[in-house]
Amino acid sequence: MGVITAIEVQKRNKKRVSIFIDDVYTFSMSLDEAAKLRKGQELTDAEIEALTSEAAVTAATDSAARFLALRPRSTREIRDNLARKGTPPAVIDATLERLTAFGYINDRAFADLWVRDRMTFKPTSPRALRYELQQKG
């Protein structure tokens, strides 16, 4: 059990806030999510855990969305990218579920796009295309 003693806007990212519980930094979250919290509010350990995990999923989703902004990616590419950044497996799974629900990830559409682009710009054999797709997951 703890009491929120401070909610401070972060210096580098004005859209995120740092949450301090009992005068100790505990986690950060988006400004929109923090709107439901207030200074002096008491939180149980379960609520703190839920807020922390939700904040982690939101941060991982934002990171994956930036990664997807460059070009379409397969589920495995996104999973590997998040894992390289040290994201826990449970958070990665929740992030991938969220991105799939939003329609940002579709492995079938990715494979079709990849084959079409490869045949247009750098034609290769079907066997080489199969290998490339296997490498991308």
Foldseek 3Di string as FASTA:
>chain_A
DWFFADWAQDPPDNQKIFTATPNHTDAMAGPVVCVVPDGGDDDDPVRSVVVRLVRLLVVLLVVLVVVCVVDQAALVVSLVVVVVVVRDPVSSVSSSVVCVVVVSHDLVVVLVVVQVVCCVPPDDDPVVSVVVSVVRD
